Amino acid sequence: MTLSLSPNRADTNESLLQTAVIDVTTSPVELKVGTTRNPERQAIIIYNDSNRTLYLGPATVAVSGANKGIPLLKGQSATISIGDIGIFGVCEAGTNSIIIMELG
């Protein structure tokens, strides 16, 4: 995947650029920086820094079945233009480090 951020976003507040490392396990966890989701978030970059596949989706995301999320393989990243909407991740085993960057 290619990372692309437009430098011409006049509505972007650069002071709201934040990063965090989040542990994702076999239970869905919201991918966000801090204890609450940034209501001014415009985009999120998710980087899978683990050795396992990360599955992305809603709060009910799963690694298989009807709620199977979109897979993000080891070393891949995804950029999603998303506001104050939750996006969740889950892995099939263990504790996995995921790097999150939010842009307000």
PDB file of N, CA and C in Angstrom:
ATOM      1  N   MET A   1       0.817  -1.173   0.000  1.00  0.00           N
ATOM      2  CA  MET A   1       0.000   0.000   0.000  1.00  0.00           C
ATOM      3  C   MET A   1       0.863   1.238   0.000  1.00  0.00           C
ATOM      4  N   THR A   2       0.350   2.284  -0.605  1.00  0.00           N
ATOM      5  CA  THR A   2       1.074   3.533  -0.678  1.00  0.00           C
ATOM      6  C   THR A   2       0.455   4.542   0.263  1.00  0.00           C
ATOM      7  N   LEU A   3       1.283   5.242   0.984  1.00  0.00           N
ATOM      8  CA  LEU A   3       0.835   6.281   1.899  1.00  0.00           C
ATOM      9  C   LEU A   3       0.818   7.586   1.147  1.00  0.00           C
ATOM     10  N   SER A   4      -0.314   8.294   1.207  1.00  0.00           N
ATOM     11  CA  SER A   4      -0.427   9.562   0.512  1.00  0.00           C
ATOM     12  C   SER A   4      -1.219  10.539   1.350  1.00  0.00           C
ATOM     13  N   LEU A   5      -0.574  11.622   1.741  1.00  0.00           N
ATOM     14  CA  LEU A   5      -1.253  12.688   2.464  1.00  0.00           C
ATOM     15  C   LEU A   5      -1.128  13.960   1.646  1.00  0.00           C
ATOM     16  N   SER A   6      -2.232  14.623   1.396  1.00  0.00           N
ATOM     17  CA  SER A   6      -2.222  15.847   0.617  1.00  0.00           C
ATOM     18  C   SER A   6      -1.742  17.012   1.472  1.00  0.00           C
ATOM     19  N   PRO A   7      -0.708  17.744   1.051  1.00  0.00           N
ATOM     20  CA  PRO A   7      -0.224  18.877   1.836  1.00  0.00           C
ATOM     21  C   PRO A   7      -1.095  20.107   1.694  1.00  0.00           C
ATOM     22  N   ASN A   8      -2.113  20.055   0.852  1.00  0.00           N
ATOM     23  CA  ASN A   8      -2.950  21.218   0.588  1.00  0.00           C
ATOM     24  C   ASN A   8      -4.286  21.181   1.314  1.00  0.00           C
ATOM     25  N   ARG A   9      -4.397  20.465   2.393  1.00  0.00           N
ATOM     26  CA  ARG A   9      -5.659  20.370   3.124  1.00  0.00           C
ATOM     27  C   ARG A   9      -5.770  21.559   4.065  1.00  0.00           C
ATOM     28  N   ALA A  10      -6.459  22.598   3.635  1.00  0.00           N
ATOM     29  CA  ALA A  10      -6.583  23.821   4.425  1.00  0.00           C
ATOM     30  C   ALA A  10      -7.361  23.596   5.707  1.00  0.00           C
ATOM     31  N   ASP A  11      -8.198  22.552   5.733  1.00  0.00           N
ATOM     32  CA  ASP A  11      -9.020  22.295   6.908  1.00  0.00           C
ATOM     33  C   ASP A  11      -8.333  21.357   7.902  1.00  0.00           C
ATOM     34  N   THR A  12      -7.057  21.072   7.706  1.00  0.00           N
ATOM     35  CA  THR A  12      -6.320  20.181   8.586  1.00  0.00           C
ATOM     36  C   THR A  12      -5.549  20.993   9.619  1.00  0.00           C
ATOM     37  N   ASN A  13      -5.702  20.605  10.886  1.00  0.00           N
ATOM     38  CA  ASN A  13      -4.995  21.258  11.980  1.00  0.00           C
ATOM     39  C   ASN A  13      -3.767  20.425  12.316  1.00  0.00           C
ATOM     40  N   GLU A  14      -2.590  20.875  11.863  1.00  0.00           N
ATOM     41  CA  GLU A  14      -1.370  20.091  12.043  1.00  0.00           C
ATOM     42  C   GLU A  14      -1.020  19.865  13.506  1.00  0.00           C
ATOM     43  N   SER A  15      -1.518  20.720  14.393  1.00  0.00           N
ATOM     44  CA  SER A  15      -1.217  20.537  15.818  1.00  0.00           C
ATOM     45  C   SER A  15      -1.946  19.323  16.378  1.00  0.00           C
ATOM     46  N   LEU A  16      -2.881  18.773  15.628  1.00  0.00           N
ATOM     47  CA  LEU A  16      -3.624  17.602  16.084  1.00  0.00           C
ATOM     48  C   LEU A  16      -3.057  16.297  15.531  1.00  0.00           C
ATOM     49  N   LEU A  17      -1.856  16.336  14.977  1.00  0.00           N
ATOM     50  CA  LEU A  17      -1.190  15.127  14.506  1.00  0.00           C
ATOM     51  C   LEU A  17      -0.630  14.389  15.713  1.00  0.00           C
ATOM     52  N   GLN A  18      -1.094  13.153  15.925  1.00  0.00           N
ATOM     53  CA  GLN A  18      -0.681  12.371  17.086  1.00  0.00           C
ATOM     54  C   GLN A  18      -0.426  10.932  16.678  1.00  0.00           C
ATOM     55  N   THR A  19       0.473  10.267  17.416  1.00  0.00           N
ATOM     56  CA  THR A  19       0.743   8.858  17.171  1.00  0.00           C
ATOM     57  C   THR A  19       0.666   8.070  18.478  1.00  0.00           C
ATOM     58  N   ALA A  20       0.456   6.776  18.336  1.00  0.00           N
ATOM     59  CA  ALA A  20       0.420   5.883  19.497  1.00  0.00           C
ATOM     60  C   ALA A  20       0.673   4.461  19.028  1.00  0.00           C
ATOM     61  N   VAL A  21       1.166   3.647  19.948  1.00  0.00           N
ATOM     62  CA  VAL A  21       1.295   2.209  19.720  1.00  0.00           C
ATOM     63  C   VAL A  21       0.192   1.548  20.532  1.00  0.00           C
ATOM     64  N   ILE A  22      -0.592   0.715  19.876  1.00  0.00           N
ATOM     65  CA  ILE A  22      -1.732   0.059  20.511  1.00  0.00           C
ATOM     66  C   ILE A  22      -1.522  -1.445  20.463  1.00  0.00           C
ATOM     67  N   ASP A  23      -1.829  -2.128  21.564  1.00  0.00           N
ATOM     68  CA  ASP A  23      -1.798  -3.589  21.595  1.00  0.00           C
ATOM     69  C   ASP A  23      -3.152  -4.126  21.167  1.00  0.00           C
ATOM     70  N   VAL A  24      -3.142  -4.982  20.164  1.00  0.00           N
ATOM     71  CA  VAL A  24      -4.367  -5.606  19.662  1.00  0.00           C
ATOM     72  C   VAL A  24      -4.269  -7.101  19.928  1.00  0.00           C
ATOM     73  N   THR A  25      -5.355  -7.674  20.440  1.00  0.00           N
ATOM     74  CA  THR A  25      -5.389  -9.106  20.760  1.00  0.00           C
ATOM     75  C   THR A  25      -6.528  -9.769  19.990  1.00  0.00           C
ATOM     76  N   THR A  26      -7.076 -10.831  20.561  1.00  0.00           N
ATOM     77  CA  THR A  26      -8.144 -11.591  19.915  1.00  0.00           C
ATOM     78  C   THR A  26      -9.525 -10.973  20.138  1.00  0.00           C
ATOM     79  N   SER A  27      -9.599  -9.914  20.913  1.00  0.00           N
ATOM     80  CA  SER A  27     -10.859  -9.174  21.111  1.00  0.00           C
ATOM     81  C   SER A  27     -10.740  -7.842  20.393  1.00  0.00           C
ATOM     82  N   PRO A  28     -11.798  -7.414  19.694  1.00  0.00           N
ATOM     83  CA  PRO A  28     -11.729  -6.139  18.975  1.00  0.00           C
ATOM     84  C   PRO A  28     -11.382  -4.980  19.902  1.00  0.00           C
ATOM     85  N   VAL A  29     -10.499  -4.105  19.424  1.00  0.00           N
ATOM     86  CA  VAL A  29     -10.100  -2.916  20.167  1.00  0.00           C
ATOM     87  C   VAL A  29     -10.204  -1.720  19.215  1.00  0.00           C
ATOM     88  N   GLU A  30     -10.698  -0.600  19.751  1.00  0.00           N
ATOM     89  CA  GLU A  30     -10.798   0.590  18.912  1.00  0.00           C
ATOM     90  C   GLU A  30      -9.408   1.145  18.649  1.00  0.00           C
ATOM     91  N   LEU A  31      -9.150   1.475  17.397  1.00  0.00           N
ATOM     92  CA  LEU A  31      -7.855   2.004  16.985  1.00  0.00           C
ATOM     93  C   LEU A  31      -7.928   3.524  17.042  1.00  0.00           C
ATOM     94  N   LYS A  32      -7.300   4.089  18.070  1.00  0.00           N
ATOM     95  CA  LYS A  32      -7.332   5.531  18.289  1.00  0.00           C
ATOM     96  C   LYS A  32      -6.140   5.920  19.142  1.00  0.00           C
ATOM     97  N   VAL A  33      -5.826   7.196  19.135  1.00  0.00           N
ATOM     98  CA  VAL A  33      -4.771   7.733  19.987  1.00  0.00           C
ATOM     99  C   VAL A  33      -5.441   8.283  21.237  1.00  0.00           C
ATOM    100  N   GLY A  34      -4.997   7.855  22.402  1.00  0.00           N
ATOM    101  CA  GLY A  34      -5.568   8.347  23.649  1.00  0.00           C
ATOM    102  C   GLY A  34      -6.742   7.519  24.134  1.00  0.00           C
ATOM    103  N   THR A  35      -7.358   8.001  25.199  1.00  0.00           N
ATOM    104  CA  THR A  35      -8.457   7.257  25.815  1.00  0.00           C
ATOM    105  C   THR A  35      -9.789   7.469  25.121  1.00  0.00           C
ATOM    106  N   THR A  36      -9.930   8.588  24.401  1.00  0.00           N
ATOM    107  CA  THR A  36     -11.162   8.851  23.659  1.00  0.00           C
ATOM    108  C   THR A  36     -10.820   9.195  22.221  1.00  0.00           C
ATOM    109  N   ARG A  37     -11.739   8.908  21.339  1.00  0.00           N
ATOM    110  CA  ARG A  37     -11.553   9.203  19.919  1.00  0.00           C
ATOM    111  C   ARG A  37     -11.529  10.717  19.707  1.00  0.00           C
ATOM    112  N   ASN A  38     -10.627  11.194  18.878  1.00  0.00           N
ATOM    113  CA  ASN A  38     -10.522  12.621  18.565  1.00  0.00           C
ATOM    114  C   ASN A  38     -11.698  13.031  17.685  1.00  0.00           C
ATOM    115  N   PRO A  39     -12.617  13.889  18.177  1.00  0.00           N
ATOM    116  CA  PRO A  39     -13.767  14.285  17.374  1.00  0.00           C
ATOM    117  C   PRO A  39     -13.388  15.131  16.159  1.00  0.00           C
ATOM    118  N   GLU A  40     -12.160  15.663  16.137  1.00  0.00           N
ATOM    119  CA  GLU A  40     -11.696  16.468  15.006  1.00  0.00           C
ATOM    120  C   GLU A  40     -10.838  15.650  14.036  1.00  0.00           C
ATOM    121  N   ARG A  41     -10.739  14.366  14.274  1.00  0.00           N
ATOM    122  CA  ARG A  41      -9.928  13.506  13.405  1.00  0.00           C
ATOM    123  C   ARG A  41     -10.485  13.518  11.992  1.00  0.00           C
ATOM    124  N   GLN A  42      -9.575  13.642  11.024  1.00  0.00           N
ATOM    125  CA  GLN A  42      -9.977  13.598   9.627  1.00  0.00           C
ATOM    126  C   GLN A  42      -9.433  12.368   8.917  1.00  0.00           C
ATOM    127  N   ALA A  43      -8.309  11.879   9.397  1.00  0.00           N
ATOM    128  CA  ALA A  43      -7.707  10.694   8.779  1.00  0.00           C
ATOM    129  C   ALA A  43      -6.955   9.907   9.831  1.00  0.00           C
ATOM    130  N   ILE A  44      -6.844   8.619   9.577  1.00  0.00           N
ATOM    131  CA  ILE A  44      -6.087   7.744  10.456  1.00  0.00           C
ATOM    132  C   ILE A  44      -5.202   6.867   9.578  1.00  0.00           C
ATOM    133  N   ILE A  45      -3.954   6.708  10.022  1.00  0.00           N
ATOM    134  CA  ILE A  45      -3.033   5.796   9.365  1.00  0.00           C
ATOM    135  C   ILE A  45      -2.797   4.652  10.339  1.00  0.00           C
ATOM    136  N   ILE A  46      -2.966   3.436   9.860  1.00  0.00           N
ATOM    137  CA  ILE A  46      -2.807   2.244  10.683  1.00  0.00           C
ATOM    138  C   ILE A  46      -1.670   1.431  10.083  1.00  0.00           C
ATOM    139  N   TYR A  47      -0.639   1.163  10.891  1.00  0.00           N
ATOM    140  CA  TYR A  47       0.508   0.372  10.435  1.00  0.00           C
ATOM    141  C   TYR A  47       0.591  -0.902  11.258  1.00  0.00           C
ATOM    142  N   ASN A  48       0.592  -2.032  10.590  1.00  0.00           N
ATOM    143  CA  ASN A  48       0.680  -3.319  11.269  1.00  0.00           C
ATOM    144  C   ASN A  48       2.147  -3.644  11.534  1.00  0.00           C
ATOM    145  N   ASP A  49       2.589  -3.389  12.772  1.00  0.00           N
ATOM    146  CA  ASP A  49       3.977  -3.600  13.179  1.00  0.00           C
ATOM    147  C   ASP A  49       4.170  -4.973  13.832  1.00  0.00           C
ATOM    148  N   SER A  50       3.199  -5.850  13.650  1.00  0.00           N
ATOM    149  CA  SER A  50       3.262  -7.174  14.273  1.00  0.00           C
ATOM    150  C   SER A  50       3.595  -8.236  13.231  1.00  0.00           C
ATOM    151  N   ASN A  51       3.713  -9.478  13.676  1.00  0.00           N
ATOM    152  CA  ASN A  51       3.976 -10.602  12.780  1.00  0.00           C
ATOM    153  C   ASN A  51       2.700 -11.305  12.335  1.00  0.00           C
ATOM    154  N   ARG A  52       1.554 -10.808  12.769  1.00  0.00           N
ATOM    155  CA  ARG A  52       0.272 -11.436  12.432  1.00  0.00           C
ATOM    156  C   ARG A  52      -0.598 -10.483  11.629  1.00  0.00           C
ATOM    157  N   THR A  53      -1.583 -11.028  10.947  1.00  0.00           N
ATOM    158  CA  THR A  53      -2.524 -10.220  10.185  1.00  0.00           C
ATOM    159  C   THR A  53      -3.469  -9.504  11.137  1.00  0.00           C
ATOM    160  N   LEU A  54      -3.690  -8.225  10.873  1.00  0.00           N
ATOM    161  CA  LEU A  54      -4.655  -7.405  11.598  1.00  0.00           C
ATOM    162  C   LEU A  54      -5.905  -7.312  10.737  1.00  0.00           C
ATOM    163  N   TYR A  55      -7.070  -7.460  11.353  1.00  0.00           N
ATOM    164  CA  TYR A  55      -8.331  -7.351  10.629  1.00  0.00           C
ATOM    165  C   TYR A  55      -9.036  -6.082  11.086  1.00  0.00           C
ATOM    166  N   LEU A  56      -9.449  -5.240  10.126  1.00  0.00           N
ATOM    167  CA  LEU A  56     -10.073  -3.955  10.398  1.00  0.00           C
ATOM    168  C   LEU A  56     -11.554  -3.990  10.113  1.00  0.00           C
ATOM    169  N   GLY A  57     -12.339  -3.293  10.947  1.00  0.00           N
ATOM    170  CA  GLY A  57     -13.768  -3.226  10.706  1.00  0.00           C
ATOM    171  C   GLY A  57     -14.497  -2.513  11.837  1.00  0.00           C
ATOM    172  N   PRO A  58     -15.806  -2.768  11.952  1.00  0.00           N
ATOM    173  CA  PRO A  58     -16.602  -2.161  13.024  1.00  0.00           C
ATOM    174  C   PRO A  58     -16.344  -2.860  14.358  1.00  0.00           C
ATOM    175  N   ALA A  59     -17.051  -2.471  15.377  1.00  0.00           N
ATOM    176  CA  ALA A  59     -16.856  -3.019  16.730  1.00  0.00           C
ATOM    177  C   ALA A  59     -17.024  -4.531  16.786  1.00  0.00           C
ATOM    178  N   THR A  60     -17.705  -5.113  15.825  1.00  0.00           N
ATOM    179  CA  THR A  60     -17.946  -6.562  15.802  1.00  0.00           C
ATOM    180  C   THR A  60     -16.951  -7.307  14.903  1.00  0.00           C
ATOM    181  N   VAL A  61     -15.860  -6.648  14.503  1.00  0.00           N
ATOM    182  CA  VAL A  61     -14.903  -7.252  13.579  1.00  0.00           C
ATOM    183  C   VAL A  61     -14.366  -8.573  14.130  1.00  0.00           C
ATOM    184  N   ALA A  62     -14.144  -9.516  13.214  1.00  0.00           N
ATOM    185  CA  ALA A  62     -13.630 -10.832  13.585  1.00  0.00           C
ATOM    186  C   ALA A  62     -12.566 -11.258  12.573  1.00  0.00           C
ATOM    187  N   VAL A  63     -11.834 -12.328  12.898  1.00  0.00           N
ATOM    188  CA  VAL A  63     -10.803 -12.829  11.994  1.00  0.00           C
ATOM    189  C   VAL A  63     -11.365 -13.808  10.961  1.00  0.00           C
ATOM    190  N   SER A  64     -12.619 -14.218  11.139  1.00  0.00           N
ATOM    191  CA  SER A  64     -13.258 -15.124  10.180  1.00  0.00           C
ATOM    192  C   SER A  64     -14.771 -15.000  10.304  1.00  0.00           C
ATOM    193  N   GLY A  65     -15.479 -15.653   9.411  1.00  0.00           N
ATOM    194  CA  GLY A  65     -16.930 -15.678   9.476  1.00  0.00           C
ATOM    195  C   GLY A  65     -17.583 -14.442   8.882  1.00  0.00           C
ATOM    196  N   ALA A  66     -18.835 -14.240   9.243  1.00  0.00           N
ATOM    197  CA  ALA A  66     -19.647 -13.166   8.672  1.00  0.00           C
ATOM    198  C   ALA A  66     -19.118 -11.767   8.999  1.00  0.00           C
ATOM    199  N   ASN A  67     -18.408 -11.617  10.104  1.00  0.00           N
ATOM    200  CA  ASN A  67     -17.888 -10.310  10.510  1.00  0.00           C
ATOM    201  C   ASN A  67     -16.395 -10.147  10.239  1.00  0.00           C
ATOM    202  N   LYS A  68     -15.865 -10.994   9.330  1.00  0.00           N
ATOM    203  CA  LYS A  68     -14.430 -10.931   9.024  1.00  0.00           C
ATOM    204  C   LYS A  68     -14.073  -9.549   8.507  1.00  0.00           C
ATOM    205  N   GLY A  69     -13.008  -8.980   9.100  1.00  0.00           N
ATOM    206  CA  GLY A  69     -12.575  -7.643   8.707  1.00  0.00           C
ATOM    207  C   GLY A  69     -11.665  -7.658   7.500  1.00  0.00           C
ATOM    208  N   ILE A  70     -11.283  -6.487   7.089  1.00  0.00           N
ATOM    209  CA  ILE A  70     -10.358  -6.321   5.979  1.00  0.00           C
ATOM    210  C   ILE A  70      -8.950  -6.603   6.508  1.00  0.00           C
ATOM    211  N   PRO A  71      -8.213  -7.527   5.885  1.00  0.00           N
ATOM    212  CA  PRO A  71      -6.891  -7.891   6.408  1.00  0.00           C
ATOM    213  C   PRO A  71      -5.826  -6.846   6.090  1.00  0.00           C
ATOM    214  N   LEU A  72      -4.977  -6.612   7.076  1.00  0.00           N
ATOM    215  CA  LEU A  72      -3.802  -5.764   6.924  1.00  0.00           C
ATOM    216  C   LEU A  72      -2.623  -6.641   7.344  1.00  0.00           C
ATOM    217  N   LEU A  73      -1.810  -7.051   6.380  1.00  0.00           N
ATOM    218  CA  LEU A  73      -0.721  -7.980   6.631  1.00  0.00           C
ATOM    219  C   LEU A  73       0.446  -7.311   7.350  1.00  0.00           C
ATOM    220  N   LYS A  74       1.334  -8.125   7.882  1.00  0.00           N
ATOM    221  CA  LYS A  74       2.546  -7.645   8.544  1.00  0.00           C
ATOM    222  C   LYS A  74       3.247  -6.624   7.659  1.00  0.00           C
ATOM    223  N   GLY A  75       3.571  -5.467   8.242  1.00  0.00           N
ATOM    224  CA  GLY A  75       4.300  -4.443   7.508  1.00  0.00           C
ATOM    225  C   GLY A  75       3.470  -3.579   6.584  1.00  0.00           C
ATOM    226  N   GLN A  76       2.182  -3.826   6.488  1.00  0.00           N
ATOM    227  CA  GLN A  76       1.327  -3.006   5.636  1.00  0.00           C
ATOM    228  C   GLN A  76       0.714  -1.865   6.435  1.00  0.00           C
ATOM    229  N   SER A  77       0.342  -0.814   5.718  1.00  0.00           N
ATOM    230  CA  SER A  77      -0.358   0.290   6.343  1.00  0.00           C
ATOM    231  C   SER A  77      -1.593   0.631   5.525  1.00  0.00           C
ATOM    232  N   ALA A  78      -2.526   1.293   6.193  1.00  0.00           N
ATOM    233  CA  ALA A  78      -3.750   1.752   5.534  1.00  0.00           C
ATOM    234  C   ALA A  78      -4.008   3.175   5.987  1.00  0.00           C
ATOM    235  N   THR A  79      -4.369   4.024   5.041  1.00  0.00           N
ATOM    236  CA  THR A  79      -4.769   5.392   5.335  1.00  0.00           C
ATOM    237  C   THR A  79      -6.254   5.492   5.061  1.00  0.00           C
ATOM    238  N   ILE A  80      -6.994   5.913   6.072  1.00  0.00           N
ATOM    239  CA  ILE A  80      -8.444   5.981   5.953  1.00  0.00           C
ATOM    240  C   ILE A  80      -8.899   7.386   6.309  1.00  0.00           C
ATOM    241  N   SER A  81      -9.601   8.038   5.380  1.00  0.00           N
ATOM    242  CA  SER A  81     -10.202   9.335   5.667  1.00  0.00           C
ATOM    243  C   SER A  81     -11.472   9.069   6.453  1.00  0.00           C
ATOM    244  N   ILE A  82     -11.415   9.381   7.730  1.00  0.00           N
ATOM    245  CA  ILE A  82     -12.519   9.042   8.615  1.00  0.00           C
ATOM    246  C   ILE A  82     -12.579  10.093   9.706  1.00  0.00           C
ATOM    247  N   GLY A  83     -13.749  10.505  10.055  1.00  0.00           N
ATOM    248  CA  GLY A  83     -13.918  11.490  11.114  1.00  0.00           C
ATOM    249  C   GLY A  83     -14.128  10.815  12.454  1.00  0.00           C
ATOM    250  N   ASP A  84     -15.131  11.249  13.141  1.00  0.00           N
ATOM    251  CA  ASP A  84     -15.430  10.747  14.483  1.00  0.00           C
ATOM    252  C   ASP A  84     -16.231   9.444  14.402  1.00  0.00           C
ATOM    253  N   ILE A  85     -15.651   8.475  13.725  1.00  0.00           N
ATOM    254  CA  ILE A  85     -16.261   7.155  13.568  1.00  0.00           C
ATOM    255  C   ILE A  85     -15.244   6.131  14.034  1.00  0.00           C
ATOM    256  N   GLY A  86     -15.676   5.164  14.818  1.00  0.00           N
ATOM    257  CA  GLY A  86     -14.765   4.154  15.337  1.00  0.00           C
ATOM    258  C   GLY A  86     -14.357   3.146  14.286  1.00  0.00           C
ATOM    259  N   ILE A  87     -13.087   2.794  14.312  1.00  0.00           N
ATOM    260  CA  ILE A  87     -12.582   1.691  13.503  1.00  0.00           C
ATOM    261  C   ILE A  87     -11.844   0.764  14.461  1.00  0.00           C
ATOM    262  N   PHE A  88     -12.083  -0.527  14.319  1.00  0.00           N
ATOM    263  CA  PHE A  88     -11.597  -1.512  15.281  1.00  0.00           C
ATOM    264  C   PHE A  88     -10.661  -2.501  14.607  1.00  0.00           C
ATOM    265  N   GLY A  89      -9.811  -3.117  15.408  1.00  0.00           N
ATOM    266  CA  GLY A  89      -8.893  -4.122  14.912  1.00  0.00           C
ATOM    267  C   GLY A  89      -8.886  -5.336  15.813  1.00  0.00           C
ATOM    268  N   VAL A  90      -8.579  -6.480  15.230  1.00  0.00           N
ATOM    269  CA  VAL A  90      -8.483  -7.735  15.962  1.00  0.00           C
ATOM    270  C   VAL A  90      -7.443  -8.610  15.261  1.00  0.00           C
ATOM    271  N   CYS A  91      -6.743  -9.439  16.044  1.00  0.00           N
ATOM    272  CA  CYS A  91      -5.769 -10.386  15.493  1.00  0.00           C
ATOM    273  C   CYS A  91      -6.151 -11.793  15.942  1.00  0.00           C
ATOM    274  N   GLU A  92      -5.636 -12.798  15.253  1.00  0.00           N
ATOM    275  CA  GLU A  92      -6.042 -14.164  15.545  1.00  0.00           C
ATOM    276  C   GLU A  92      -5.387 -14.760  16.780  1.00  0.00           C
ATOM    277  N   ALA A  93      -4.267 -14.204  17.239  1.00  0.00           N
ATOM    278  CA  ALA A  93      -3.587 -14.749  18.426  1.00  0.00           C
ATOM    279  C   ALA A  93      -2.630 -13.714  18.986  1.00  0.00           C
ATOM    280  N   GLY A  94      -2.294 -13.892  20.259  1.00  0.00           N
ATOM    281  CA  GLY A  94      -1.257 -13.088  20.888  1.00  0.00           C
ATOM    282  C   GLY A  94      -1.586 -11.625  21.083  1.00  0.00           C
ATOM    283  N   THR A  95      -0.559 -10.887  21.482  1.00  0.00           N
ATOM    284  CA  THR A  95      -0.636  -9.436  21.633  1.00  0.00           C
ATOM    285  C   THR A  95       0.203  -8.832  20.526  1.00  0.00           C
ATOM    286  N   ASN A  96      -0.390  -7.935  19.748  1.00  0.00           N
ATOM    287  CA  ASN A  96       0.231  -7.432  18.536  1.00  0.00           C
ATOM    288  C   ASN A  96       0.313  -5.911  18.566  1.00  0.00           C
ATOM    289  N   SER A  97       1.474  -5.366  18.225  1.00  0.00           N
ATOM    290  CA  SER A  97       1.682  -3.916  18.227  1.00  0.00           C
ATOM    291  C   SER A  97       1.236  -3.307  16.902  1.00  0.00           C
ATOM    292  N   ILE A  98       0.377  -2.324  17.028  1.00  0.00           N
ATOM    293  CA  ILE A  98      -0.138  -1.587  15.879  1.00  0.00           C
ATOM    294  C   ILE A  98       0.185  -0.119  16.103  1.00  0.00           C
ATOM    295  N   ILE A  99       0.731   0.553  15.095  1.00  0.00           N
ATOM    296  CA  ILE A  99       1.046   1.975  15.216  1.00  0.00           C
ATOM    297  C   ILE A  99      -0.068   2.772  14.556  1.00  0.00           C
ATOM    298  N   ILE A 100      -0.565   3.754  15.294  1.00  0.00           N
ATOM    299  CA  ILE A 100      -1.662   4.589  14.820  1.00  0.00           C
ATOM    300  C   ILE A 100      -1.165   6.025  14.702  1.00  0.00           C
ATOM    301  N   MET A 101      -1.556   6.700  13.626  1.00  0.00           N
ATOM    302  CA  MET A 101      -1.330   8.136  13.488  1.00  0.00           C
ATOM    303  C   MET A 101      -2.668   8.768  13.126  1.00  0.00           C
ATOM    304  N   GLU A 102      -3.063   9.772  13.881  1.00  0.00           N
ATOM    305  CA  GLU A 102      -4.301  10.494  13.604  1.00  0.00           C
ATOM    306  C   GLU A 102      -3.958  11.909  13.159  1.00  0.00           C
ATOM    307  N   LEU A 103      -4.681  12.383  12.171  1.00  0.00           N
ATOM    308  CA  LEU A 103      -4.521  13.739  11.682  1.00  0.00           C
ATOM    309  C   LEU A 103      -5.827  14.477  11.853  1.00  0.00           C
ATOM    310  N   GLY A 104      -5.775  15.603  12.589  1.00  0.00           N
ATOM    311  CA  GLY A 104      -6.974  16.385  12.874  1.00  0.00           C
ATOM    312  C   GLY A 104      -7.210  17.441  11.850  1.00  0.00           C
TER     313      GLY A 104
END
